[in-house]
PDB file of N, CA and C in Angstrom:
ATOM      1  N   MET A   1      86.587  86.551 -33.288  1.00  0.00           N
ATOM      2  CA  MET A   1      87.855  86.198 -33.882  1.00  0.00           C
ATOM      3  C   MET A   1      88.431  84.987 -33.148  1.00  0.00           C
ATOM      4  N   ILE A   2      88.865  84.016 -33.891  1.00  0.00           N
ATOM      5  CA  ILE A   2      89.513  82.850 -33.306  1.00  0.00           C
ATOM      6  C   ILE A   2      90.938  83.229 -32.939  1.00  0.00           C
ATOM      7  N   THR A   3      91.334  82.901 -31.715  1.00  0.00           N
ATOM      8  CA  THR A   3      92.669  83.272 -31.255  1.00  0.00           C
ATOM      9  C   THR A   3      93.569  82.082 -30.947  1.00  0.00           C
ATOM     10  N   GLY A   4      93.058  80.873 -31.084  1.00  0.00           N
ATOM     11  CA  GLY A   4      93.886  79.700 -30.813  1.00  0.00           C
ATOM     12  C   GLY A   4      93.044  78.456 -30.669  1.00  0.00           C
ATOM     13  N   ILE A   5      93.679  77.377 -30.322  1.00  0.00           N
ATOM     14  CA  ILE A   5      92.996  76.111 -30.102  1.00  0.00           C
ATOM     15  C   ILE A   5      93.113  75.771 -28.627  1.00  0.00           C
ATOM     16  N   ARG A   6      92.008  75.518 -27.989  1.00  0.00           N
ATOM     17  CA  ARG A   6      91.996  75.168 -26.559  1.00  0.00           C
ATOM     18  C   ARG A   6      92.419  73.727 -26.356  1.00  0.00           C
ATOM     19  N   GLY A   7      91.963  72.841 -27.250  1.00  0.00           N
ATOM     20  CA  GLY A   7      92.297  71.437 -27.082  1.00  0.00           C
ATOM     21  C   GLY A   7      91.677  70.578 -28.157  1.00  0.00           C
ATOM     22  N   VAL A   8      91.992  69.310 -28.101  1.00  0.00           N
ATOM     23  CA  VAL A   8      91.479  68.334 -29.061  1.00  0.00           C
ATOM     24  C   VAL A   8      91.106  67.062 -28.307  1.00  0.00           C
ATOM     25  N   ASN A   9      90.182  66.310 -28.867  1.00  0.00           N
ATOM     26  CA  ASN A   9      89.809  65.009 -28.317  1.00  0.00           C
ATOM     27  C   ASN A   9      90.416  63.914 -29.174  1.00  0.00           C
ATOM     28  N   ILE A  10      91.015  62.930 -28.529  1.00  0.00           N
ATOM     29  CA  ILE A  10      91.563  61.762 -29.203  1.00  0.00           C
ATOM     30  C   ILE A  10      90.739  60.569 -28.751  1.00  0.00           C
ATOM     31  N   LYS A  11      90.218  59.805 -29.691  1.00  0.00           N
ATOM     32  CA  LYS A  11      89.428  58.623 -29.356  1.00  0.00           C
ATOM     33  C   LYS A  11      90.363  57.473 -29.003  1.00  0.00           C
ATOM     34  N   VAL A  12      90.162  56.893 -27.828  1.00  0.00           N
ATOM     35  CA  VAL A  12      90.995  55.785 -27.361  1.00  0.00           C
ATOM     36  C   VAL A  12      90.105  54.674 -26.825  1.00  0.00           C
ATOM     37  N   ARG A  13      90.583  53.451 -26.890  1.00  0.00           N
ATOM     38  CA  ARG A  13      89.814  52.308 -26.393  1.00  0.00           C
ATOM     39  C   ARG A  13      90.046  52.059 -24.902  1.00  0.00           C
ATOM     40  N   ASP A  14      91.230  52.397 -24.407  1.00  0.00           N
ATOM     41  CA  ASP A  14      91.603  52.118 -23.021  1.00  0.00           C
ATOM     42  C   ASP A  14      92.280  53.367 -22.461  1.00  0.00           C
ATOM     43  N   GLN A  15      91.558  54.109 -21.624  1.00  0.00           N
ATOM     44  CA  GLN A  15      92.079  55.373 -21.120  1.00  0.00           C
ATOM     45  C   GLN A  15      93.342  55.199 -20.280  1.00  0.00           C
ATOM     46  N   ASP A  16      93.427  54.143 -19.485  1.00  0.00           N
ATOM     47  CA  ASP A  16      94.627  53.926 -18.669  1.00  0.00           C
ATOM     48  C   ASP A  16      95.844  53.668 -19.544  1.00  0.00           C
ATOM     49  N   ARG A  17      95.690  52.791 -20.540  1.00  0.00           N
ATOM     50  CA  ARG A  17      96.808  52.481 -21.444  1.00  0.00           C
ATOM     51  C   ARG A  17      97.246  53.742 -22.180  1.00  0.00           C
ATOM     52  N   SER A  18      96.284  54.520 -22.658  1.00  0.00           N
ATOM     53  CA  SER A  18      96.609  55.740 -23.397  1.00  0.00           C
ATOM     54  C   SER A  18      97.248  56.792 -22.497  1.00  0.00           C
ATOM     55  N   ALA A  19      96.768  56.910 -21.269  1.00  0.00           N
ATOM     56  CA  ALA A  19      97.377  57.862 -20.333  1.00  0.00           C
ATOM     57  C   ALA A  19      98.835  57.488 -20.084  1.00  0.00           C
ATOM     58  N   SER A  20      99.113  56.206 -19.932  1.00  0.00           N
ATOM     59  CA  SER A  20     100.501  55.763 -19.740  1.00  0.00           C
ATOM     60  C   SER A  20     101.354  56.094 -20.956  1.00  0.00           C
ATOM     61  N   PHE A  21     100.815  55.840 -22.155  1.00  0.00           N
ATOM     62  CA  PHE A  21     101.554  56.140 -23.381  1.00  0.00           C
ATOM     63  C   PHE A  21     101.896  57.621 -23.451  1.00  0.00           C
ATOM     64  N   TRP A  22     100.899  58.481 -23.307  1.00  0.00           N
ATOM     65  CA  TRP A  22     101.106  59.916 -23.494  1.00  0.00           C
ATOM     66  C   TRP A  22     101.947  60.539 -22.387  1.00  0.00           C
ATOM     67  N   THR A  23     101.890  59.998 -21.169  1.00  0.00           N
ATOM     68  CA  THR A  23     102.688  60.576 -20.085  1.00  0.00           C
ATOM     69  C   THR A  23     104.069  59.939 -19.987  1.00  0.00           C
ATOM     70  N   GLU A  24     104.137  58.624 -19.931  1.00  0.00           N
ATOM     71  CA  GLU A  24     105.412  57.942 -19.710  1.00  0.00           C
ATOM     72  C   GLU A  24     106.286  57.868 -20.958  1.00  0.00           C
ATOM     73  N   GLN A  25     105.679  57.733 -22.130  1.00  0.00           N
ATOM     74  CA  GLN A  25     106.473  57.584 -23.345  1.00  0.00           C
ATOM     75  C   GLN A  25     106.657  58.902 -24.090  1.00  0.00           C
ATOM     76  N   VAL A  26     105.596  59.671 -24.230  1.00  0.00           N
ATOM     77  CA  VAL A  26     105.679  60.909 -25.005  1.00  0.00           C
ATOM     78  C   VAL A  26     106.060  62.102 -24.126  1.00  0.00           C
ATOM     79  N   GLY A  27     105.706  62.082 -22.851  1.00  0.00           N
ATOM     80  CA  GLY A  27     106.137  63.142 -21.942  1.00  0.00           C
ATOM     81  C   GLY A  27     105.115  64.214 -21.629  1.00  0.00           C
ATOM     82  N   LEU A  28     103.833  63.974 -21.930  1.00  0.00           N
ATOM     83  CA  LEU A  28     102.798  64.931 -21.536  1.00  0.00           C
ATOM     84  C   LEU A  28     102.480  64.736 -20.057  1.00  0.00           C
ATOM     85  N   GLU A  29     101.695  65.660 -19.498  1.00  0.00           N
ATOM     86  CA  GLU A  29     101.275  65.582 -18.098  1.00  0.00           C
ATOM     87  C   GLU A  29      99.766  65.414 -18.040  1.00  0.00           C
ATOM     88  N   VAL A  30      99.263  64.689 -17.045  1.00  0.00           N
ATOM     89  CA  VAL A  30      97.822  64.628 -16.800  1.00  0.00           C
ATOM     90  C   VAL A  30      97.467  65.893 -16.034  1.00  0.00           C
ATOM     91  N   VAL A  31      96.519  66.674 -16.553  1.00  0.00           N
ATOM     92  CA  VAL A  31      96.122  67.912 -15.884  1.00  0.00           C
ATOM     93  C   VAL A  31      94.719  67.824 -15.298  1.00  0.00           C
ATOM     94  N   SER A  32      93.943  66.816 -15.713  1.00  0.00           N
ATOM     95  CA  SER A  32      92.611  66.601 -15.160  1.00  0.00           C
ATOM     96  C   SER A  32      92.233  65.144 -15.373  1.00  0.00           C
ATOM     97  N   ASP A  33      91.689  64.518 -14.340  1.00  0.00           N
ATOM     98  CA  ASP A  33      91.273  63.118 -14.416  1.00  0.00           C
ATOM     99  C   ASP A  33      90.047  62.970 -13.523  1.00  0.00           C
ATOM    100  N   VAL A  34      88.859  63.082 -14.124  1.00  0.00           N
ATOM    101  CA  VAL A  34      87.613  63.118 -13.373  1.00  0.00           C
ATOM    102  C   VAL A  34      86.674  62.027 -13.875  1.00  0.00           C
ATOM    103  N   VAL A  35      86.145  61.214 -12.948  1.00  0.00           N
ATOM    104  CA  VAL A  35      85.168  60.187 -13.321  1.00  0.00           C
ATOM    105  C   VAL A  35      83.894  60.883 -13.784  1.00  0.00           C
ATOM    106  N   MET A  36      83.347  60.402 -14.901  1.00  0.00           N
ATOM    107  CA  MET A  36      82.096  60.946 -15.438  1.00  0.00           C
ATOM    108  C   MET A  36      80.954  60.103 -14.867  1.00  0.00           C
ATOM    109  N   PRO A  37      80.193  60.601 -13.889  1.00  0.00           N
ATOM    110  CA  PRO A  37      79.179  59.787 -13.211  1.00  0.00           C
ATOM    111  C   PRO A  37      78.213  59.069 -14.157  1.00  0.00           C
ATOM    112  N   ASP A  38      77.807  59.724 -15.218  1.00  0.00           N
ATOM    113  CA  ASP A  38      76.864  59.101 -16.150  1.00  0.00           C
ATOM    114  C   ASP A  38      77.526  58.087 -17.067  1.00  0.00           C
ATOM    115  N   PHE A  39      78.854  58.055 -17.100  1.00  0.00           N
ATOM    116  CA  PHE A  39      79.573  57.176 -18.026  1.00  0.00           C
ATOM    117  C   PHE A  39      80.601  56.293 -17.315  1.00  0.00           C
ATOM    118  N   ALA A  40      80.550  56.203 -15.980  1.00  0.00           N
ATOM    119  CA  ALA A  40      81.533  55.422 -15.216  1.00  0.00           C
ATOM    120  C   ALA A  40      81.623  54.006 -15.774  1.00  0.00           C
ATOM    121  N   PRO A  41      82.831  53.438 -15.845  1.00  0.00           N
ATOM    122  CA  PRO A  41      84.082  53.913 -15.252  1.00  0.00           C
ATOM    123  C   PRO A  41      84.848  54.877 -16.147  1.00  0.00           C
ATOM    124  N   ARG A  42      84.252  55.304 -17.257  1.00  0.00           N
ATOM    125  CA  ARG A  42      84.947  56.268 -18.121  1.00  0.00           C
ATOM    126  C   ARG A  42      85.111  57.586 -17.390  1.00  0.00           C
ATOM    127  N   ARG A  43      86.105  58.346 -17.849  1.00  0.00           N
ATOM    128  CA  ARG A  43      86.381  59.602 -17.171  1.00  0.00           C
ATOM    129  C   ARG A  43      86.849  60.663 -18.161  1.00  0.00           C
ATOM    130  N   TRP A  44      86.809  61.906 -17.699  1.00  0.00           N
ATOM    131  CA  TRP A  44      87.324  63.029 -18.478  1.00  0.00           C
ATOM    132  C   TRP A  44      88.795  63.129 -18.142  1.00  0.00           C
ATOM    133  N   LEU A  45      89.654  62.830 -19.117  1.00  0.00           N
ATOM    134  CA  LEU A  45      91.088  62.716 -18.878  1.00  0.00           C
ATOM    135  C   LEU A  45      91.817  63.657 -19.822  1.00  0.00           C
ATOM    136  N   GLU A  46      92.378  64.732 -19.260  1.00  0.00           N
ATOM    137  CA  GLU A  46      93.079  65.733 -20.062  1.00  0.00           C
ATOM    138  C   GLU A  46      94.583  65.627 -19.850  1.00  0.00           C
ATOM    139  N   THR A  47      95.320  65.750 -20.946  1.00  0.00           N
ATOM    140  CA  THR A  47      96.778  65.783 -20.896  1.00  0.00           C
ATOM    141  C   THR A  47      97.248  67.045 -21.606  1.00  0.00           C
ATOM    142  N   ALA A  48      98.472  67.453 -21.310  1.00  0.00           N
ATOM    143  CA  ALA A  48      99.028  68.648 -21.952  1.00  0.00           C
ATOM    144  C   ALA A  48     100.545  68.608 -21.873  1.00  0.00           C
ATOM    145  N   ALA A  49     101.169  69.351 -22.783  1.00  0.00           N
ATOM    146  CA  ALA A  49     102.612  69.573 -22.694  1.00  0.00           C
ATOM    147  C   ALA A  49     102.859  70.528 -21.533  1.00  0.00           C
ATOM    148  N   SER A  50     104.084  70.681 -21.119  1.00  0.00           N
ATOM    149  CA  SER A  50     104.390  71.517 -19.956  1.00  0.00           C
ATOM    150  C   SER A  50     103.948  72.966 -20.135  1.00  0.00           C
ATOM    151  N   SER A  51     103.880  73.445 -21.375  1.00  0.00           N
ATOM    152  CA  SER A  51     103.441  74.824 -21.622  1.00  0.00           C
ATOM    153  C   SER A  51     101.951  74.999 -21.362  1.00  0.00           C
ATOM    154  N   ARG A  52     101.203  73.909 -21.428  1.00  0.00           N
ATOM    155  CA  ARG A  52      99.750  73.893 -21.208  1.00  0.00           C
ATOM    156  C   ARG A  52      99.004  74.871 -22.099  1.00  0.00           C
ATOM    157  N   ASN A  53      99.533  75.149 -23.285  1.00  0.00           N
ATOM    158  CA  ASN A  53      98.844  76.069 -24.192  1.00  0.00           C
ATOM    159  C   ASN A  53      97.722  75.388 -24.960  1.00  0.00           C
ATOM    160  N   ALA A  54      97.632  74.065 -24.900  1.00  0.00           N
ATOM    161  CA  ALA A  54      96.522  73.319 -25.497  1.00  0.00           C
ATOM    162  C   ALA A  54      96.392  71.997 -24.760  1.00  0.00           C
ATOM    163  N   LEU A  55      95.173  71.528 -24.636  1.00  0.00           N
ATOM    164  CA  LEU A  55      94.907  70.270 -23.950  1.00  0.00           C
ATOM    165  C   LEU A  55      94.542  69.189 -24.947  1.00  0.00           C
ATOM    166  N   MET A  56      94.852  67.949 -24.605  1.00  0.00           N
ATOM    167  CA  MET A  56      94.433  66.810 -25.406  1.00  0.00           C
ATOM    168  C   MET A  56      93.620  65.902 -24.493  1.00  0.00           C
ATOM    169  N   VAL A  57      92.353  65.693 -24.835  1.00  0.00           N
ATOM    170  CA  VAL A  57      91.464  64.846 -24.050  1.00  0.00           C
ATOM    171  C   VAL A  57      91.542  63.428 -24.581  1.00  0.00           C
ATOM    172  N   LEU A  58      91.786  62.457 -23.690  1.00  0.00           N
ATOM    173  CA  LEU A  58      91.793  61.043 -24.064  1.00  0.00           C
ATOM    174  C   LEU A  58      90.372  60.537 -23.854  1.00  0.00           C
ATOM    175  N   HIS A  59      89.606  60.505 -24.922  1.00  0.00           N
ATOM    176  CA  HIS A  59      88.168  60.289 -24.894  1.00  0.00           C
ATOM    177  C   HIS A  59      87.829  58.906 -25.425  1.00  0.00           C
ATOM    178  N   TRP A  60      86.859  58.263 -24.813  1.00  0.00           N
ATOM    179  CA  TRP A  60      86.425  56.959 -25.310  1.00  0.00           C
ATOM    180  C   TRP A  60      85.677  57.133 -26.624  1.00  0.00           C
ATOM    181  N   PRO A  61      85.776  56.167 -27.551  1.00  0.00           N
ATOM    182  CA  PRO A  61      85.095  56.300 -28.840  1.00  0.00           C
ATOM    183  C   PRO A  61      83.599  56.039 -28.721  1.00  0.00           C
ATOM    184  N   VAL A  62      82.814  56.846 -29.420  1.00  0.00           N
ATOM    185  CA  VAL A  62      81.378  56.614 -29.490  1.00  0.00           C
ATOM    186  C   VAL A  62      81.119  55.468 -30.456  1.00  0.00           C
ATOM    187  N   PHE A  63      81.870  55.442 -31.519  1.00  0.00           N
ATOM    188  CA  PHE A  63      81.813  54.371 -32.505  1.00  0.00           C
ATOM    189  C   PHE A  63      83.232  53.832 -32.647  1.00  0.00           C
ATOM    190  N   ASP A  64      83.430  52.818 -33.444  1.00  0.00           N
ATOM    191  CA  ASP A  64      84.773  52.287 -33.669  1.00  0.00           C
ATOM    192  C   ASP A  64      85.471  53.192 -34.673  1.00  0.00           C
ATOM    193  N   GLU A  65      85.934  54.339 -34.189  1.00  0.00           N
ATOM    194  CA  GLU A  65      86.464  55.358 -35.085  1.00  0.00           C
ATOM    195  C   GLU A  65      87.928  55.674 -34.829  1.00  0.00           C
ATOM    196  N   VAL A  66      88.651  54.753 -34.228  1.00  0.00           N
ATOM    197  CA  VAL A  66      90.078  54.983 -34.032  1.00  0.00           C
ATOM    198  C   VAL A  66      90.850  54.389 -35.198  1.00  0.00           C
ATOM    199  N   GLU A  67      92.159  54.470 -35.139  1.00  0.00           N
ATOM    200  CA  GLU A  67      93.074  54.000 -36.171  1.00  0.00           C
ATOM    201  C   GLU A  67      92.969  54.831 -37.449  1.00  0.00           C
ATOM    202  N   PHE A  68      93.321  56.096 -37.350  1.00  0.00           N
ATOM    203  CA  PHE A  68      93.339  56.989 -38.498  1.00  0.00           C
ATOM    204  C   PHE A  68      94.298  58.144 -38.221  1.00  0.00           C
ATOM    205  N   TYR A  69      94.598  58.909 -39.264  1.00  0.00           N
ATOM    206  CA  TYR A  69      95.431  60.094 -39.087  1.00  0.00           C
ATOM    207  C   TYR A  69      94.643  61.114 -38.288  1.00  0.00           C
ATOM    208  N   SER A  70      95.192  61.541 -37.197  1.00  0.00           N
ATOM    209  CA  SER A  70      94.483  62.425 -36.274  1.00  0.00           C
ATOM    210  C   SER A  70      94.388  63.864 -36.762  1.00  0.00           C
ATOM    211  N   GLY A  71      95.319  64.270 -37.618  1.00  0.00           N
ATOM    212  CA  GLY A  71      95.361  65.666 -38.030  1.00  0.00           C
ATOM    213  C   GLY A  71      96.062  66.548 -37.008  1.00  0.00           C
ATOM    214  N   ILE A  72      96.678  65.938 -36.002  1.00  0.00           N
ATOM    215  CA  ILE A  72      97.332  66.693 -34.932  1.00  0.00           C
ATOM    216  C   ILE A  72      98.840  66.670 -35.125  1.00  0.00           C
ATOM    217  N   THR A  73      99.438  67.858 -35.055  1.00  0.00           N
ATOM    218  CA  THR A  73     100.880  67.999 -35.205  1.00  0.00           C
ATOM    219  C   THR A  73     101.462  68.609 -33.940  1.00  0.00           C
ATOM    220  N   PHE A  74     102.475  67.953 -33.388  1.00  0.00           N
ATOM    221  CA  PHE A  74     103.220  68.468 -32.247  1.00  0.00           C
ATOM    222  C   PHE A  74     104.461  69.179 -32.773  1.00  0.00           C
ATOM    223  N   THR A  75     105.002  70.090 -31.985  1.00  0.00           N
ATOM    224  CA  THR A  75     106.228  70.780 -32.382  1.00  0.00           C
ATOM    225  C   THR A  75     107.387  70.327 -31.495  1.00  0.00           C
ATOM    226  N   CYS A  76     108.585  70.480 -32.014  1.00  0.00           N
ATOM    227  CA  CYS A  76     109.794  70.174 -31.239  1.00  0.00           C
ATOM    228  C   CYS A  76     110.921  71.055 -31.763  1.00  0.00           C
ATOM    229  N   ASP A  77     111.984  71.162 -30.986  1.00  0.00           N
ATOM    230  CA  ASP A  77     113.141  71.961 -31.390  1.00  0.00           C
ATOM    231  C   ASP A  77     114.147  71.159 -32.197  1.00  0.00           C
ATOM    232  N   ASP A  78     114.207  69.842 -31.965  1.00  0.00           N
ATOM    233  CA  ASP A  78     115.188  68.986 -32.629  1.00  0.00           C
ATOM    234  C   ASP A  78     114.516  67.667 -32.990  1.00  0.00           C
ATOM    235  N   ILE A  79     114.115  67.514 -34.246  1.00  0.00           N
ATOM    236  CA  ILE A  79     113.364  66.334 -34.680  1.00  0.00           C
ATOM    237  C   ILE A  79     114.144  65.048 -34.471  1.00  0.00           C
ATOM    238  N   HIS A  80     115.441  65.082 -34.741  1.00  0.00           N
ATOM    239  CA  HIS A  80     116.235  63.857 -34.611  1.00  0.00           C
ATOM    240  C   HIS A  80     116.367  63.422 -33.150  1.00  0.00           C
ATOM    241  N   ALA A  81     116.598  64.359 -32.256  1.00  0.00           N
ATOM    242  CA  ALA A  81     116.680  64.033 -30.830  1.00  0.00           C
ATOM    243  C   ALA A  81     115.329  63.546 -30.310  1.00  0.00           C
ATOM    244  N   THR A  82     114.251  64.192 -30.747  1.00  0.00           N
ATOM    245  CA  THR A  82     112.911  63.784 -30.331  1.00  0.00           C
ATOM    246  C   THR A  82     112.586  62.392 -30.845  1.00  0.00           C
ATOM    247  N   TYR A  83     112.910  62.136 -32.097  1.00  0.00           N
ATOM    248  CA  TYR A  83     112.697  60.809 -32.693  1.00  0.00           C
ATOM    249  C   TYR A  83     113.448  59.739 -31.896  1.00  0.00           C
ATOM    250  N   GLU A  84     114.709  59.991 -31.585  1.00  0.00           N
ATOM    251  CA  GLU A  84     115.522  59.024 -30.833  1.00  0.00           C
ATOM    252  C   GLU A  84     114.975  58.823 -29.419  1.00  0.00           C
ATOM    253  N   GLU A  85     114.604  59.913 -28.765  1.00  0.00           N
ATOM    254  CA  GLU A  85     114.086  59.836 -27.397  1.00  0.00           C
ATOM    255  C   GLU A  85     112.793  59.028 -27.342  1.00  0.00           C
ATOM    256  N   LEU A  86     111.850  59.343 -28.233  1.00  0.00           N
ATOM    257  CA  LEU A  86     110.562  58.648 -28.214  1.00  0.00           C
ATOM    258  C   LEU A  86     110.699  57.196 -28.657  1.00  0.00           C
ATOM    259  N   THR A  87     111.552  56.942 -29.647  1.00  0.00           N
ATOM    260  CA  THR A  87     111.784  55.563 -30.092  1.00  0.00           C
ATOM    261  C   THR A  87     112.359  54.735 -28.942  1.00  0.00           C
ATOM    262  N   ALA A  88     113.281  55.310 -28.189  1.00  0.00           N
ATOM    263  CA  ALA A  88     113.880  54.608 -27.047  1.00  0.00           C
ATOM    264  C   ALA A  88     112.844  54.293 -25.971  1.00  0.00           C
ATOM    265  N   LYS A  89     111.778  55.093 -25.910  1.00  0.00           N
ATOM    266  CA  LYS A  89     110.710  54.862 -24.935  1.00  0.00           C
ATOM    267  C   LYS A  89     109.628  53.940 -25.481  1.00  0.00           C
ATOM    268  N   GLY A  90     109.838  53.401 -26.682  1.00  0.00           N
ATOM    269  CA  GLY A  90     108.891  52.437 -27.236  1.00  0.00           C
ATOM    270  C   GLY A  90     107.808  53.008 -28.124  1.00  0.00           C
ATOM    271  N   VAL A  91     107.901  54.289 -28.484  1.00  0.00           N
ATOM    272  CA  VAL A  91     106.916  54.880 -29.388  1.00  0.00           C
ATOM    273  C   VAL A  91     107.163  54.332 -30.792  1.00  0.00           C
ATOM    274  N   GLU A  92     106.086  53.891 -31.459  1.00  0.00           N
ATOM    275  CA  GLU A  92     106.193  53.328 -32.811  1.00  0.00           C
ATOM    276  C   GLU A  92     106.047  54.435 -33.851  1.00  0.00           C
ATOM    277  N   PHE A  93     107.116  54.705 -34.571  1.00  0.00           N
ATOM    278  CA  PHE A  93     107.069  55.711 -35.630  1.00  0.00           C
ATOM    279  C   PHE A  93     106.656  55.067 -36.942  1.00  0.00           C
ATOM    280  N   VAL A  94     105.813  55.777 -37.692  1.00  0.00           N
ATOM    281  CA  VAL A  94     105.370  55.345 -39.015  1.00  0.00           C
ATOM    282  C   VAL A  94     106.412  55.746 -40.046  1.00  0.00           C
ATOM    283  N   SER A  95     107.106  56.852 -39.771  1.00  0.00           N
ATOM    284  CA  SER A  95     108.153  57.318 -40.682  1.00  0.00           C
ATOM    285  C   SER A  95     109.311  57.877 -39.872  1.00  0.00           C
ATOM    286  N   GLU A  96     110.495  57.764 -40.426  1.00  0.00           N
ATOM    287  CA  GLU A  96     111.660  58.420 -39.842  1.00  0.00           C
ATOM    288  C   GLU A  96     111.569  59.906 -40.178  1.00  0.00           C
ATOM    289  N   PRO A  97     112.389  60.759 -39.556  1.00  0.00           N
ATOM    290  CA  PRO A  97     112.351  62.183 -39.892  1.00  0.00           C
ATOM    291  C   PRO A  97     112.593  62.425 -41.387  1.00  0.00           C
ATOM    292  N   VAL A  98     111.758  63.299 -41.942  1.00  0.00           N
ATOM    293  CA  VAL A  98     111.804  63.634 -43.367  1.00  0.00           C
ATOM    294  C   VAL A  98     111.947  65.147 -43.489  1.00  0.00           C
ATOM    295  N   LEU A  99     112.815  65.600 -44.393  1.00  0.00           N
ATOM    296  CA  LEU A  99     112.970  67.031 -44.641  1.00  0.00           C
ATOM    297  C   LEU A  99     111.986  67.456 -45.720  1.00  0.00           C
ATOM    298  N   ALA A 100     111.181  68.474 -45.412  1.00  0.00           N
ATOM    299  CA  ALA A 100     110.221  69.037 -46.368  1.00  0.00           C
ATOM    300  C   ALA A 100     110.488  70.534 -46.492  1.00  0.00           C
ATOM    301  N   ASN A 101     109.732  71.210 -47.339  1.00  0.00           N
ATOM    302  CA  ASN A 101     109.969  72.640 -47.545  1.00  0.00           C
ATOM    303  C   ASN A 101     109.717  73.476 -46.294  1.00  0.00           C
ATOM    304  N   PHE A 102     108.899  72.992 -45.364  1.00  0.00           N
ATOM    305  CA  PHE A 102     108.582  73.727 -44.136  1.00  0.00           C
ATOM    306  C   PHE A 102     109.491  73.356 -42.965  1.00  0.00           C
ATOM    307  N   GLY A 103     110.294  72.314 -43.123  1.00  0.00           N
ATOM    308  CA  GLY A 103     111.156  71.837 -42.046  1.00  0.00           C
ATOM    309  C   GLY A 103     111.118  70.318 -41.965  1.00  0.00           C
ATOM    310  N   TRP A 104     111.486  69.772 -40.818  1.00  0.00           N
ATOM    311  CA  TRP A 104     111.513  68.324 -40.611  1.00  0.00           C
ATOM    312  C   TRP A 104     110.210  67.839 -39.990  1.00  0.00           C
ATOM    313  N   TRP A 105     109.821  66.601 -40.302  1.00  0.00           N
ATOM    314  CA  TRP A 105     108.650  65.997 -39.673  1.00  0.00           C
ATOM    315  C   TRP A 105     108.812  64.478 -39.625  1.00  0.00           C
ATOM    316  N   ALA A 106     108.075  63.852 -38.723  1.00  0.00           N
ATOM    317  CA  ALA A 106     107.987  62.391 -38.626  1.00  0.00           C
ATOM    318  C   ALA A 106     106.618  62.071 -38.036  1.00  0.00           C
ATOM    319  N   SER A 107     106.094  60.890 -38.324  1.00  0.00           N
ATOM    320  CA  SER A 107     104.790  60.523 -37.776  1.00  0.00           C
ATOM    321  C   SER A 107     104.907  59.274 -36.914  1.00  0.00           C
ATOM    322  N   PHE A 108     104.048  59.209 -35.881  1.00  0.00           N
ATOM    323  CA  PHE A 108     104.052  58.077 -34.955  1.00  0.00           C
ATOM    324  C   PHE A 108     102.626  57.684 -34.596  1.00  0.00           C
ATOM    325  N   LYS A 109     102.482  56.474 -34.036  1.00  0.00           N
ATOM    326  CA  LYS A 109     101.174  55.949 -33.641  1.00  0.00           C
ATOM    327  C   LYS A 109     101.056  55.886 -32.124  1.00  0.00           C
ATOM    328  N   ASP A 110      99.823  56.059 -31.641  1.00  0.00           N
ATOM    329  CA  ASP A 110      99.543  55.777 -30.237  1.00  0.00           C
ATOM    330  C   ASP A 110      99.079  54.320 -30.133  1.00  0.00           C
ATOM    331  N   PRO A 111      98.784  53.816 -28.931  1.00  0.00           N
ATOM    332  CA  PRO A 111      98.404  52.409 -28.793  1.00  0.00           C
ATOM    333  C   PRO A 111      97.132  52.024 -29.548  1.00  0.00           C
ATOM    334  N   ASP A 112      96.287  52.996 -29.899  1.00  0.00           N
ATOM    335  CA  ASP A 112      95.057  52.709 -30.626  1.00  0.00           C
ATOM    336  C   ASP A 112      95.211  52.840 -32.130  1.00  0.00           C
ATOM    337  N   GLY A 113      96.406  53.152 -32.596  1.00  0.00           N
ATOM    338  CA  GLY A 113      96.639  53.275 -34.026  1.00  0.00           C
ATOM    339  C   GLY A 113      96.400  54.666 -34.584  1.00  0.00           C
ATOM    340  N   ASN A 114      96.039  55.643 -33.727  1.00  0.00           N
ATOM    341  CA  ASN A 114      95.912  57.022 -34.190  1.00  0.00           C
ATOM    342  C   ASN A 114      97.299  57.509 -34.595  1.00  0.00           C
ATOM    343  N   VAL A 115      97.396  58.195 -35.725  1.00  0.00           N
ATOM    344  CA  VAL A 115      98.689  58.664 -36.229  1.00  0.00           C
ATOM    345  C   VAL A 115      98.829  60.166 -35.979  1.00  0.00           C
ATOM    346  N   PHE A 116      99.983  60.571 -35.449  1.00  0.00           N
ATOM    347  CA  PHE A 116     100.291  61.957 -35.124  1.00  0.00           C
ATOM    348  C   PHE A 116     101.586  62.361 -35.814  1.00  0.00           C
ATOM    349  N   VAL A 117     101.774  63.662 -35.984  1.00  0.00           N
ATOM    350  CA  VAL A 117     102.996  64.188 -36.594  1.00  0.00           C
ATOM    351  C   VAL A 117     103.739  65.005 -35.549  1.00  0.00           C
ATOM    352  N   VAL A 118     105.061  64.919 -35.572  1.00  0.00           N
ATOM    353  CA  VAL A 118     105.902  65.819 -34.791  1.00  0.00           C
ATOM    354  C   VAL A 118     106.758  66.567 -35.808  1.00  0.00           C
ATOM    355  N   ARG A 119     106.892  67.876 -35.607  1.00  0.00           N
ATOM    356  CA  ARG A 119     107.495  68.725 -36.641  1.00  0.00           C
ATOM    357  C   ARG A 119     108.479  69.718 -36.040  1.00  0.00           C
ATOM    358  N   GLN A 120     109.590  69.898 -36.743  1.00  0.00           N
ATOM    359  CA  GLN A 120     110.583  70.923 -36.401  1.00  0.00           C
ATOM    360  C   GLN A 120     110.542  71.961 -37.510  1.00  0.00           C
ATOM    361  N   GLU A 121     110.245  73.197 -37.140  1.00  0.00           N
ATOM    362  CA  GLU A 121     110.164  74.268 -38.131  1.00  0.00           C
ATOM    363  C   GLU A 121     111.521  74.523 -38.765  1.00  0.00           C
ATOM    364  N   LYS A 122     111.491  74.942 -40.017  1.00  0.00           N
ATOM    365  CA  LYS A 122     112.715  75.281 -40.743  1.00  0.00           C
ATOM    366  C   LYS A 122     113.344  76.524 -40.125  1.00  0.00           C
ATOM    367  N   GLY A 123     114.667  76.528 -40.096  1.00  0.00           N
ATOM    368  CA  GLY A 123     115.342  77.732 -39.643  1.00  0.00           C
ATOM    369  C   GLY A 123     116.145  77.546 -38.487  1.00  0.00           C
TER     370      GLY A 123
END
């Protein structure tokens, strides 16, 4: 039985730039940063929210496969406050907060053009 998601890999072109984006602008933490001897200077770089209930690996692309909708949705308690906070930190949003039948959502890009959603549940 599947009980949850352990983590996801995000393809990035520059691990340092992406680590700065996800930690300094979005607010995740680096939880693992290990040089991969067979792939140096590339490394295994994991980030997570403070709850650490899922990890996001900033992985180098095998092919030129970045710049697409990632399929990853983050949660927040207040979409408008989150939108304002991240925008003030330089995060590029693709859409402003939108009200849908499930609640509020907005989408943003990372430095490689990957698109992510942040969502506030209805209620």
